[in-house]
């Protein structure tokens, strides 16, 4: 077993992966806000860019409409379901003092 290095941060960051997903739908403003209320000091999510340039938070990067799946990159923000938050909405909900771990899933779109 590899040696575990001590955290360089005191106290260490307590990340909530996709928010408090055990108690609320993952990657929603509800899940992120609940995670903060439960004591998370950091939030983790995947970030996707819509076709009109909005950074949104979702795990898979696809939206299901019936049996059809469409990539978030092919849709505008207005075409997404309301439960998928933008990064700006996350900041408005929980503030800007938390540490965020954001996995950019379409890096070419951010060039």
N, C-alpha and C. Protein backbone atom coordinates (compact mmCIF):
# COMPACT_ATOMS: atom_id res chain seq x y z
N UNK A 1 0.85 -1.17 0.00
CA UNK A 1 0.00 0.00 0.00
C UNK A 1 0.89 1.23 0.00
N UNK A 2 0.63 2.21 -0.90
CA UNK A 2 1.47 3.40 -0.94
C UNK A 2 1.29 4.24 0.32
N UNK A 3 2.34 4.96 0.64
CA UNK A 3 2.30 5.85 1.79
C UNK A 3 1.38 7.03 1.49
N UNK A 4 0.52 7.32 2.42
CA UNK A 4 -0.39 8.45 2.25
C UNK A 4 0.27 9.71 2.77
N UNK A 5 0.35 10.72 1.91
CA UNK A 5 0.96 11.98 2.32
C UNK A 5 -0.03 12.83 3.09
N UNK A 6 0.45 13.58 4.07
CA UNK A 6 -0.46 14.44 4.82
C UNK A 6 -0.96 15.59 3.95
N UNK A 7 -2.12 16.09 4.29
CA UNK A 7 -2.69 17.22 3.57
C UNK A 7 -1.81 18.44 3.76
N UNK A 8 -1.64 19.23 2.69
CA UNK A 8 -0.92 20.48 2.79
C UNK A 8 -1.81 21.59 3.32
N UNK A 9 -3.09 21.35 3.36
CA UNK A 9 -4.06 22.33 3.85
C UNK A 9 -4.49 21.96 5.25
N UNK A 10 -4.60 22.95 6.10
CA UNK A 10 -5.09 22.75 7.46
C UNK A 10 -6.26 23.66 7.70
N UNK A 11 -7.43 23.16 7.94
CA UNK A 11 -7.80 21.76 7.82
C UNK A 11 -7.91 21.35 6.35
N UNK A 12 -7.89 20.05 6.09
CA UNK A 12 -8.03 19.60 4.70
C UNK A 12 -9.40 19.98 4.14
N UNK A 13 -9.49 20.03 2.82
CA UNK A 13 -10.76 20.33 2.16
C UNK A 13 -11.66 19.09 2.24
N UNK A 14 -12.89 19.28 2.67
CA UNK A 14 -13.88 18.20 2.68
C UNK A 14 -14.77 18.33 1.45
N UNK A 15 -14.39 17.65 0.36
CA UNK A 15 -15.13 17.78 -0.90
C UNK A 15 -16.40 16.94 -0.90
N UNK A 16 -17.46 17.50 -1.43
CA UNK A 16 -18.71 16.79 -1.67
C UNK A 16 -18.77 16.47 -3.16
N UNK A 17 -18.61 15.20 -3.50
CA UNK A 17 -18.59 14.73 -4.88
C UNK A 17 -20.00 14.79 -5.46
N UNK A 18 -20.22 15.71 -6.41
CA UNK A 18 -21.53 15.94 -7.04
C UNK A 18 -22.56 16.45 -6.03
N UNK A 19 -22.09 17.06 -4.96
CA UNK A 19 -22.98 17.57 -3.92
C UNK A 19 -23.33 16.48 -2.93
N UNK A 20 -24.37 16.70 -2.16
CA UNK A 20 -24.84 15.70 -1.20
C UNK A 20 -25.76 14.73 -1.93
N UNK A 21 -25.18 13.95 -2.83
CA UNK A 21 -25.98 13.14 -3.74
C UNK A 21 -26.68 11.96 -3.08
N UNK A 22 -26.33 11.65 -1.84
CA UNK A 22 -27.06 10.60 -1.13
C UNK A 22 -28.43 11.11 -0.66
N UNK A 23 -28.57 12.43 -0.59
CA UNK A 23 -29.78 13.02 -0.04
C UNK A 23 -30.53 13.94 -1.01
N UNK A 24 -29.97 14.19 -2.18
CA UNK A 24 -30.58 15.07 -3.17
C UNK A 24 -30.07 14.65 -4.55
N UNK A 25 -30.80 14.96 -5.60
CA UNK A 25 -30.33 14.60 -6.95
C UNK A 25 -28.94 15.21 -7.22
N UNK A 26 -28.02 14.37 -7.68
CA UNK A 26 -26.63 14.81 -7.87
C UNK A 26 -26.52 15.95 -8.87
N UNK A 27 -25.50 16.78 -8.64
CA UNK A 27 -25.18 17.91 -9.53
C UNK A 27 -26.34 18.89 -9.67
N UNK A 28 -27.13 19.04 -8.63
CA UNK A 28 -28.19 20.04 -8.63
C UNK A 28 -27.86 21.10 -7.60
N UNK A 29 -28.46 22.26 -7.74
CA UNK A 29 -28.24 23.31 -6.73
C UNK A 29 -28.67 22.82 -5.35
N UNK A 30 -29.74 22.04 -5.30
CA UNK A 30 -30.19 21.47 -4.03
C UNK A 30 -29.10 20.61 -3.39
N UNK A 31 -28.47 19.74 -4.18
CA UNK A 31 -27.42 18.87 -3.65
C UNK A 31 -26.20 19.65 -3.19
N UNK A 32 -25.81 20.67 -3.95
CA UNK A 32 -24.65 21.47 -3.57
C UNK A 32 -24.92 22.28 -2.31
N UNK A 33 -26.08 22.91 -2.23
CA UNK A 33 -26.42 23.71 -1.05
C UNK A 33 -26.53 22.82 0.18
N UNK A 34 -27.11 21.64 0.04
CA UNK A 34 -27.22 20.73 1.17
C UNK A 34 -25.84 20.27 1.64
N UNK A 35 -24.95 20.00 0.70
CA UNK A 35 -23.59 19.59 1.07
C UNK A 35 -22.91 20.66 1.91
N UNK A 36 -23.09 21.91 1.54
CA UNK A 36 -22.50 23.01 2.31
C UNK A 36 -23.13 23.07 3.70
N UNK A 37 -24.46 22.92 3.77
CA UNK A 37 -25.12 22.93 5.09
C UNK A 37 -24.66 21.78 5.97
N UNK A 38 -24.29 20.66 5.34
CA UNK A 38 -23.82 19.49 6.09
C UNK A 38 -22.34 19.57 6.45
N UNK A 39 -21.66 20.63 6.00
CA UNK A 39 -20.28 20.84 6.41
C UNK A 39 -19.22 20.69 5.35
N UNK A 40 -19.59 20.45 4.10
CA UNK A 40 -18.58 20.36 3.04
C UNK A 40 -17.87 21.70 2.92
N UNK A 41 -16.56 21.64 2.73
CA UNK A 41 -15.78 22.86 2.53
C UNK A 41 -15.31 22.99 1.09
N UNK A 42 -15.71 22.04 0.25
CA UNK A 42 -15.40 22.08 -1.17
C UNK A 42 -16.45 21.30 -1.94
N UNK A 43 -16.62 21.63 -3.20
CA UNK A 43 -17.58 20.96 -4.06
C UNK A 43 -16.88 20.46 -5.32
N UNK A 44 -17.33 19.30 -5.82
CA UNK A 44 -16.76 18.71 -7.03
C UNK A 44 -17.87 18.50 -8.03
N UNK A 45 -17.56 18.77 -9.30
CA UNK A 45 -18.50 18.50 -10.38
C UNK A 45 -17.75 18.45 -11.70
N UNK A 46 -18.43 17.95 -12.71
CA UNK A 46 -17.93 18.00 -14.08
C UNK A 46 -18.58 19.20 -14.76
N UNK A 47 -17.82 19.86 -15.63
CA UNK A 47 -18.31 21.06 -16.33
C UNK A 47 -18.35 20.78 -17.82
N UNK A 48 -19.47 21.14 -18.42
CA UNK A 48 -19.68 21.01 -19.85
C UNK A 48 -20.06 22.37 -20.41
N UNK A 49 -19.72 22.63 -21.65
CA UNK A 49 -20.06 23.89 -22.30
C UNK A 49 -21.20 23.65 -23.28
N UNK A 50 -22.26 24.46 -23.15
CA UNK A 50 -23.38 24.36 -24.08
C UNK A 50 -23.00 24.99 -25.42
N UNK A 51 -23.85 24.81 -26.41
CA UNK A 51 -23.55 25.37 -27.74
C UNK A 51 -23.57 26.90 -27.74
N UNK A 52 -24.24 27.50 -26.75
CA UNK A 52 -24.25 28.97 -26.67
C UNK A 52 -23.29 29.50 -25.61
N UNK A 53 -22.35 28.65 -25.17
CA UNK A 53 -21.25 29.12 -24.34
C UNK A 53 -21.46 29.13 -22.84
N UNK A 54 -22.50 28.50 -22.32
CA UNK A 54 -22.74 28.45 -20.88
C UNK A 54 -22.02 27.24 -20.28
N UNK A 55 -21.30 27.47 -19.19
CA UNK A 55 -20.68 26.38 -18.44
C UNK A 55 -21.72 25.80 -17.50
N UNK A 56 -22.05 24.51 -17.69
CA UNK A 56 -23.06 23.86 -16.87
C UNK A 56 -22.46 22.65 -16.16
N UNK A 57 -23.12 22.24 -15.07
CA UNK A 57 -22.62 21.16 -14.22
C UNK A 57 -23.45 19.91 -14.43
N UNK A 58 -22.80 18.83 -14.87
CA UNK A 58 -23.48 17.56 -15.12
C UNK A 58 -22.43 16.47 -15.12
N UNK A 59 -22.82 15.25 -14.82
CA UNK A 59 -21.84 14.16 -14.78
C UNK A 59 -21.59 13.56 -16.17
N UNK A 60 -22.64 13.21 -16.86
CA UNK A 60 -22.48 12.47 -18.12
C UNK A 60 -22.33 13.33 -19.36
N UNK A 61 -22.81 14.55 -19.32
CA UNK A 61 -22.70 15.42 -20.48
C UNK A 61 -23.70 15.13 -21.57
N UNK A 62 -24.72 14.36 -21.22
CA UNK A 62 -25.79 14.07 -22.18
C UNK A 62 -27.13 14.31 -21.50
N UNK A 63 -28.11 14.68 -22.31
CA UNK A 63 -29.46 14.92 -21.82
C UNK A 63 -30.38 13.92 -22.50
N UNK A 64 -31.18 13.26 -21.70
CA UNK A 64 -32.12 12.29 -22.24
C UNK A 64 -33.46 12.96 -22.49
N UNK A 65 -34.00 12.71 -23.68
CA UNK A 65 -35.33 13.18 -24.04
C UNK A 65 -36.07 11.96 -24.57
N UNK A 66 -36.83 11.31 -23.70
CA UNK A 66 -37.44 10.03 -24.07
C UNK A 66 -36.34 8.99 -24.20
N UNK A 67 -36.26 8.34 -25.34
CA UNK A 67 -35.21 7.35 -25.58
C UNK A 67 -33.95 7.97 -26.20
N UNK A 68 -34.06 9.20 -26.61
CA UNK A 68 -32.96 9.87 -27.31
C UNK A 68 -32.03 10.57 -26.31
N UNK A 69 -30.73 10.45 -26.54
CA UNK A 69 -29.73 11.17 -25.75
C UNK A 69 -29.04 12.17 -26.65
N UNK A 70 -28.85 13.39 -26.12
CA UNK A 70 -28.16 14.43 -26.89
C UNK A 70 -27.03 15.01 -26.05
N UNK A 71 -25.87 15.23 -26.65
CA UNK A 71 -24.76 15.84 -25.91
C UNK A 71 -25.10 17.28 -25.50
N UNK A 72 -24.68 17.65 -24.31
CA UNK A 72 -24.89 19.02 -23.83
C UNK A 72 -24.26 20.02 -24.80
N UNK A 73 -23.13 19.67 -25.39
CA UNK A 73 -22.43 20.57 -26.30
C UNK A 73 -23.26 20.91 -27.53
N UNK A 74 -24.27 20.09 -27.85
CA UNK A 74 -25.13 20.33 -29.01
C UNK A 74 -26.37 21.15 -28.67
N UNK A 75 -26.56 21.46 -27.39
CA UNK A 75 -27.77 22.14 -26.94
C UNK A 75 -27.45 23.52 -26.38
N UNK A 76 -28.42 24.42 -26.46
CA UNK A 76 -28.27 25.72 -25.80
C UNK A 76 -28.68 25.56 -24.34
N UNK A 77 -28.36 26.55 -23.55
CA UNK A 77 -28.76 26.51 -22.13
C UNK A 77 -30.26 26.40 -22.01
N UNK A 78 -31.01 27.11 -22.82
CA UNK A 78 -32.47 27.09 -22.76
C UNK A 78 -33.05 25.72 -23.08
N UNK A 79 -32.32 24.89 -23.81
CA UNK A 79 -32.80 23.56 -24.17
C UNK A 79 -32.54 22.51 -23.10
N UNK A 80 -31.76 22.86 -22.09
CA UNK A 80 -31.44 21.91 -21.02
C UNK A 80 -32.56 21.86 -19.99
N UNK A 81 -32.70 20.72 -19.32
CA UNK A 81 -33.67 20.65 -18.23
C UNK A 81 -33.28 21.63 -17.12
N UNK A 82 -34.25 22.16 -16.40
CA UNK A 82 -33.95 23.17 -15.38
C UNK A 82 -33.11 22.67 -14.21
N UNK A 83 -33.03 21.35 -14.01
CA UNK A 83 -32.24 20.86 -12.88
C UNK A 83 -30.73 20.92 -13.13
N UNK A 84 -30.32 21.15 -14.37
CA UNK A 84 -28.89 21.26 -14.67
C UNK A 84 -28.46 22.71 -14.45
N UNK A 85 -27.64 22.96 -13.42
CA UNK A 85 -27.27 24.34 -13.10
C UNK A 85 -26.09 24.83 -13.92
N UNK A 86 -26.01 26.14 -14.07
CA UNK A 86 -24.82 26.74 -14.65
C UNK A 86 -23.81 26.97 -13.52
N UNK A 87 -22.59 27.19 -13.90
CA UNK A 87 -21.56 27.51 -12.92
C UNK A 87 -21.90 28.81 -12.21
N UNK A 88 -22.42 29.77 -12.95
CA UNK A 88 -22.83 31.05 -12.35
C UNK A 88 -23.93 30.84 -11.31
N UNK A 89 -24.87 29.95 -11.59
CA UNK A 89 -25.94 29.65 -10.62
C UNK A 89 -25.38 29.00 -9.36
N UNK A 90 -24.37 28.14 -9.52
CA UNK A 90 -23.74 27.54 -8.35
C UNK A 90 -23.12 28.62 -7.47
N UNK A 91 -22.36 29.53 -8.07
CA UNK A 91 -21.77 30.61 -7.30
C UNK A 91 -22.84 31.46 -6.61
N UNK A 92 -23.94 31.73 -7.31
CA UNK A 92 -25.02 32.53 -6.72
C UNK A 92 -25.66 31.80 -5.53
N UNK A 93 -25.71 30.48 -5.61
CA UNK A 93 -26.35 29.68 -4.55
C UNK A 93 -25.47 29.52 -3.32
N UNK A 94 -24.18 29.22 -3.52
CA UNK A 94 -23.32 28.88 -2.37
C UNK A 94 -22.22 29.90 -2.11
N UNK A 95 -22.10 30.90 -2.95
CA UNK A 95 -21.06 31.90 -2.76
C UNK A 95 -19.77 31.51 -3.45
N UNK A 96 -18.75 32.32 -3.24
CA UNK A 96 -17.48 32.13 -3.96
C UNK A 96 -16.32 31.77 -3.04
N UNK A 97 -16.61 31.47 -1.77
CA UNK A 97 -15.52 31.20 -0.83
C UNK A 97 -15.16 29.72 -0.74
N UNK A 98 -15.98 28.84 -1.27
CA UNK A 98 -15.69 27.40 -1.22
C UNK A 98 -14.64 27.02 -2.25
N UNK A 99 -13.89 25.98 -1.93
CA UNK A 99 -12.99 25.41 -2.93
C UNK A 99 -13.82 24.57 -3.89
N UNK A 100 -13.52 24.67 -5.17
CA UNK A 100 -14.19 23.88 -6.19
C UNK A 100 -13.18 23.00 -6.91
N UNK A 101 -13.59 21.78 -7.20
CA UNK A 101 -12.83 20.89 -8.05
C UNK A 101 -13.71 20.63 -9.26
N UNK A 102 -13.37 21.27 -10.37
CA UNK A 102 -14.18 21.19 -11.57
C UNK A 102 -13.43 20.45 -12.66
N UNK A 103 -14.00 19.36 -13.11
CA UNK A 103 -13.41 18.57 -14.20
C UNK A 103 -14.00 19.06 -15.51
N UNK A 104 -13.21 19.75 -16.30
CA UNK A 104 -13.67 20.27 -17.59
C UNK A 104 -13.69 19.11 -18.57
N UNK A 105 -14.87 18.83 -19.11
CA UNK A 105 -15.04 17.64 -19.94
C UNK A 105 -14.91 17.89 -21.43
N UNK A 106 -14.97 19.14 -21.84
CA UNK A 106 -14.79 19.46 -23.25
C UNK A 106 -13.74 20.58 -23.32
N UNK A 107 -12.50 20.22 -23.04
CA UNK A 107 -11.44 21.21 -22.92
C UNK A 107 -11.28 22.05 -24.18
N UNK A 108 -11.51 21.49 -25.34
CA UNK A 108 -11.35 22.24 -26.58
C UNK A 108 -12.31 23.42 -26.64
N UNK A 109 -13.46 23.28 -26.01
CA UNK A 109 -14.45 24.35 -26.02
C UNK A 109 -14.02 25.54 -25.16
N UNK A 110 -13.07 25.33 -24.25
CA UNK A 110 -12.63 26.38 -23.37
C UNK A 110 -11.37 27.08 -23.87
N UNK A 111 -10.85 26.67 -25.05
CA UNK A 111 -9.65 27.30 -25.61
C UNK A 111 -9.92 28.72 -26.08
